Amino acid sequence: MRFPAWLTLQSASTAVALVTGVCALIFTLWPNIKPFEVTTKRASVHVSTVDRGVTRDQWRWRESLGDAERHAALVSADAKTLKMPEPEACTALGAESGYVAVVTTRAEGFKRKSPIVRAWLYSYPLRQRVEKTENEEFRELAKVPIDAPTAESVEEIWAYDPGASRRYYIRVGLYDGGGQLLAVDDSGPFNALSPRELSALSEATPRGCS
């Protein structure tokens, strides 16, 4: 039995339209499965300023906005990373003097994947990285929350002053979850803390330690 040519063409057109409609519905409900979608990924990081003379404990309270539970969580994170008791992490580490870099990050196209911020202190003008302990060398200092196609975040990153140079700068790197470097930026050079400044900071007793 033969069907009229117009009926065959109409049936084919209907089938194509049906398949196209179903595919469009699937990709609307589950956009991550689009097979031919090209995702543009961009990332940037910028160190806008560096605050000198900030103890680790002062930075903890700044990060926690005065919330005791959030402060305790930062103490616990330090204790876990550096493998030491929490009381020691709160008091001994809290009294350390250093610097706070204010860092702006921008990420596009990462779809709920959080890029990671890491930072290092460099001597200036020699431009040599100041060695950290093994546990802190590749530590995640912050994560950039991505809940939209493009996200911008401002983080405050603390760096310890080991007294290794008269001047420093801070290098900040932004990495994806697989450890791939996405972007990097250096702060401007700044003076190391003077003996007088270090003496004044030593009088700032860590708060909230049990």
Protein backbone atom coordinates (compact mmCIF):
# COMPACT_ATOMS: atom_id res chain seq x y z
CA MET A 1 0.00 0.00 0.00
CA ARG A 2 1.43 3.35 -1.02
CA PHE A 3 0.77 6.59 0.91
CA PRO A 4 0.37 9.93 -0.86
CA ALA A 5 3.64 11.89 -1.08
CA TRP A 6 2.16 14.88 0.83
CA LEU A 7 1.18 12.58 3.72
CA THR A 8 4.70 11.09 3.92
CA LEU A 9 6.30 14.53 3.98
CA GLN A 10 3.86 15.77 6.60
CA SER A 11 4.54 12.76 8.84
CA ALA A 12 8.31 13.25 8.57
CA SER A 13 7.98 16.93 9.39
CA THR A 14 5.83 16.14 12.40
CA ALA A 15 8.35 13.56 13.65
CA VAL A 16 11.25 16.01 13.29
CA ALA A 17 9.30 18.73 15.12
CA LEU A 18 8.42 16.28 17.90
CA VAL A 19 12.04 15.18 18.39
CA THR A 20 13.23 18.79 18.34
CA GLY A 21 10.65 19.77 20.93
CA VAL A 22 11.56 16.89 23.23
CA CYS A 23 15.29 17.72 22.98
CA ALA A 24 14.62 21.38 23.72
CA LEU A 25 12.60 20.40 26.80
CA ILE A 26 15.35 18.07 28.05
CA PHE A 27 18.06 20.72 27.61
CA THR A 28 15.89 23.28 29.37
CA LEU A 29 15.35 21.03 32.38
CA TRP A 30 18.95 19.72 32.46
CA PRO A 31 21.17 22.40 30.82
CA ASN A 32 24.41 20.69 31.86
CA ILE A 33 23.89 17.84 29.38
CA LYS A 34 23.91 19.99 26.24
CA PRO A 35 26.31 18.04 24.00
CA PHE A 36 27.52 20.91 21.81
CA GLU A 37 27.46 23.78 24.27
CA VAL A 38 30.79 25.62 24.45
CA THR A 39 31.34 27.00 27.95
CA THR A 40 33.48 30.09 28.20
CA LYS A 41 35.60 30.05 31.32
CA ARG A 42 37.35 33.15 32.56
CA ALA A 43 38.93 34.00 35.87
CA SER A 44 40.81 36.92 37.36
CA VAL A 45 42.32 37.86 40.70
CA HIS A 46 43.48 41.25 41.93
CA VAL A 47 45.25 42.28 45.15
CA SER A 48 43.85 45.73 45.87
CA THR A 49 45.67 46.52 49.10
CA VAL A 50 47.69 45.07 51.97
CA ASP A 51 47.11 45.89 55.65
CA ARG A 52 50.30 45.73 57.70
CA GLY A 53 50.55 44.71 61.32
CA VAL A 54 47.66 42.28 61.82
CA THR A 55 47.96 39.27 64.11
CA ARG A 56 46.45 35.97 63.04
CA ASP A 57 43.91 36.26 65.87
CA GLN A 58 42.90 39.76 64.81
CA TRP A 59 42.38 38.42 61.29
CA ARG A 60 40.28 35.55 62.65
CA TRP A 61 37.98 37.96 64.45
CA ARG A 62 37.82 40.16 61.37
CA GLU A 63 36.86 37.17 59.22
CA SER A 64 34.29 35.93 61.72
CA LEU A 65 32.74 39.40 62.13
CA GLY A 66 32.95 38.99 65.90
CA ASP A 67 31.07 35.67 65.92
CA ALA A 68 32.61 33.32 68.50
CA GLU A 69 31.52 30.14 66.70
CA ARG A 70 33.02 31.24 63.39
CA HIS A 71 36.20 32.26 65.20
CA ALA A 72 36.39 28.81 66.79
CA ALA A 73 35.94 27.22 63.36
CA LEU A 74 38.96 29.16 62.04
CA VAL A 75 41.01 28.03 65.04
CA SER A 76 39.97 24.41 64.36
CA ALA A 77 40.96 24.74 60.70
CA ASP A 78 44.43 25.99 61.68
CA ALA A 79 44.82 23.20 64.24
CA LYS A 80 43.86 20.55 61.69
CA THR A 81 46.12 21.93 58.94
CA LEU A 82 49.15 22.37 61.18
CA LYS A 83 48.45 19.22 63.22
CA MET A 84 48.49 20.79 66.66
CA PRO A 85 46.09 20.99 69.63
CA GLU A 86 43.40 23.63 69.32
CA PRO A 87 44.45 25.54 72.49
CA GLU A 88 47.93 25.95 71.01
CA ALA A 89 46.52 26.93 67.64
CA CYS A 90 44.38 29.56 69.33
CA THR A 91 47.07 31.12 71.53
CA ALA A 92 50.49 30.54 69.93
CA LEU A 93 49.36 30.86 66.33
CA GLY A 94 46.92 33.62 67.20
CA ALA A 95 49.75 35.80 68.49
CA GLU A 96 51.71 35.61 65.21
CA SER A 97 52.15 38.92 63.38
CA GLY A 98 51.58 39.39 59.69
CA TYR A 99 49.70 41.06 56.89
CA VAL A 100 46.24 40.95 55.35
CA ALA A 101 45.84 41.12 51.57
CA VAL A 102 42.46 42.25 50.28
CA VAL A 103 41.82 40.14 47.19
CA THR A 104 39.08 40.47 44.56
CA THR A 105 38.33 37.40 42.46
CA ARG A 106 36.04 37.01 39.47
CA ALA A 107 35.06 33.72 37.85
CA GLU A 108 32.83 33.02 34.86
CA GLY A 109 31.52 29.72 33.52
CA PHE A 110 32.45 27.40 36.39
CA LYS A 111 28.86 26.30 37.16
CA ARG A 112 28.82 25.93 40.93
CA LYS A 113 32.47 24.82 41.09
CA SER A 114 34.39 26.89 43.62
CA PRO A 115 37.84 28.15 42.58
CA ILE A 116 40.44 28.11 45.35
CA VAL A 117 42.61 30.98 46.55
CA ARG A 118 46.22 30.41 47.66
CA ALA A 119 48.85 33.00 48.58
CA TRP A 120 52.59 33.29 49.22
CA LEU A 121 54.89 35.93 50.66
CA TYR A 122 57.86 37.02 48.52
CA SER A 123 60.92 39.06 49.45
CA TYR A 124 61.45 42.30 47.57
CA PRO A 125 63.41 43.20 45.47
CA LEU A 126 64.95 39.69 45.30
CA ARG A 127 61.52 38.20 44.40
CA GLN A 128 62.21 35.00 46.28
CA ARG A 129 59.36 33.04 47.81
CA VAL A 130 59.49 32.90 51.60
CA GLU A 131 59.34 29.23 52.53
CA LYS A 132 56.33 28.01 54.48
CA THR A 133 55.94 24.84 56.47
CA GLU A 134 55.00 21.84 54.34
CA ASN A 135 51.47 21.78 55.75
CA GLU A 136 50.81 25.40 54.81
CA GLU A 137 52.58 25.57 51.45
CA PHE A 138 49.56 24.51 49.37
CA ARG A 139 46.83 25.36 51.83
CA GLU A 140 43.44 26.50 50.57
CA LEU A 141 43.05 29.97 52.06
CA ALA A 142 39.61 30.69 50.64
CA LYS A 143 37.04 29.38 48.19
CA VAL A 144 35.15 31.56 45.74
CA PRO A 145 31.48 30.54 45.89
CA ILE A 146 29.97 30.13 42.43
CA ASP A 147 26.18 30.18 42.47
CA ALA A 148 25.72 32.01 39.17
CA PRO A 149 27.35 31.97 35.72
CA THR A 150 29.56 34.88 36.83
CA ALA A 151 30.55 35.52 40.42
CA GLU A 152 32.72 38.11 42.10
CA SER A 153 34.08 37.81 45.61
CA VAL A 154 36.30 39.82 47.95
CA GLU A 155 38.48 37.86 50.37
CA GLU A 156 40.89 38.87 53.13
CA ILE A 157 43.99 36.64 53.12
CA TRP A 158 46.40 36.58 56.06
CA ALA A 159 50.16 36.05 55.60
CA TYR A 160 52.71 35.48 58.37
CA ASP A 161 55.76 37.76 58.72
CA PRO A 162 58.79 35.49 59.33
CA GLY A 163 61.24 38.39 59.55
CA ALA A 164 63.07 37.16 56.45
CA SER A 165 63.25 40.43 54.52
CA ARG A 166 62.99 44.19 54.87
CA ARG A 167 60.35 44.41 52.17
CA TYR A 168 57.78 41.97 50.80
CA TYR A 169 54.99 41.52 48.34
CA ILE A 170 52.17 38.98 48.34
CA ARG A 171 51.40 36.76 45.34
CA VAL A 172 47.87 35.38 45.11
CA GLY A 173 46.83 32.53 42.82
CA LEU A 174 43.35 31.36 41.84
CA TYR A 175 43.06 27.62 41.09
CA ASP A 176 40.31 25.33 39.88
CA GLY A 177 39.36 22.18 41.79
CA GLY A 178 41.91 20.13 39.86
CA GLY A 179 44.83 22.36 40.85
CA GLN A 180 45.06 24.20 37.52
CA LEU A 181 46.25 27.80 37.91
CA LEU A 182 43.60 30.14 36.51
CA ALA A 183 44.93 33.58 37.40
CA VAL A 184 47.65 35.25 39.46
CA ASP A 185 48.37 38.73 40.78
CA ASP A 186 51.02 40.41 42.93
CA SER A 187 50.51 43.12 45.49
CA GLY A 188 52.69 46.18 45.47
CA PRO A 189 55.84 45.97 47.62
CA PHE A 190 55.53 47.01 51.26
CA ASN A 191 57.82 47.38 54.26
CA ALA A 192 58.26 44.57 56.74
CA LEU A 193 57.13 45.16 60.31
CA SER A 194 59.64 47.08 62.38
CA PRO A 195 60.82 45.87 65.81
CA ARG A 196 58.66 48.57 67.37
CA GLU A 197 55.58 47.42 65.49
CA LEU A 198 56.25 43.78 66.37
CA SER A 199 56.62 44.73 70.04
CA ALA A 200 53.28 46.54 70.00
CA LEU A 201 51.56 43.58 68.31
CA SER A 202 52.99 41.17 70.88
CA GLU A 203 50.82 42.88 73.49
CA ALA A 204 47.65 41.94 71.56
CA THR A 205 46.61 38.82 73.49
CA PRO A 206 44.45 36.36 71.49
CA ARG A 207 40.83 36.42 72.60
CA GLY A 208 38.36 33.58 72.94
CA CYS A 209 40.91 30.87 73.74
CA SER A 210 39.94 28.30 76.37
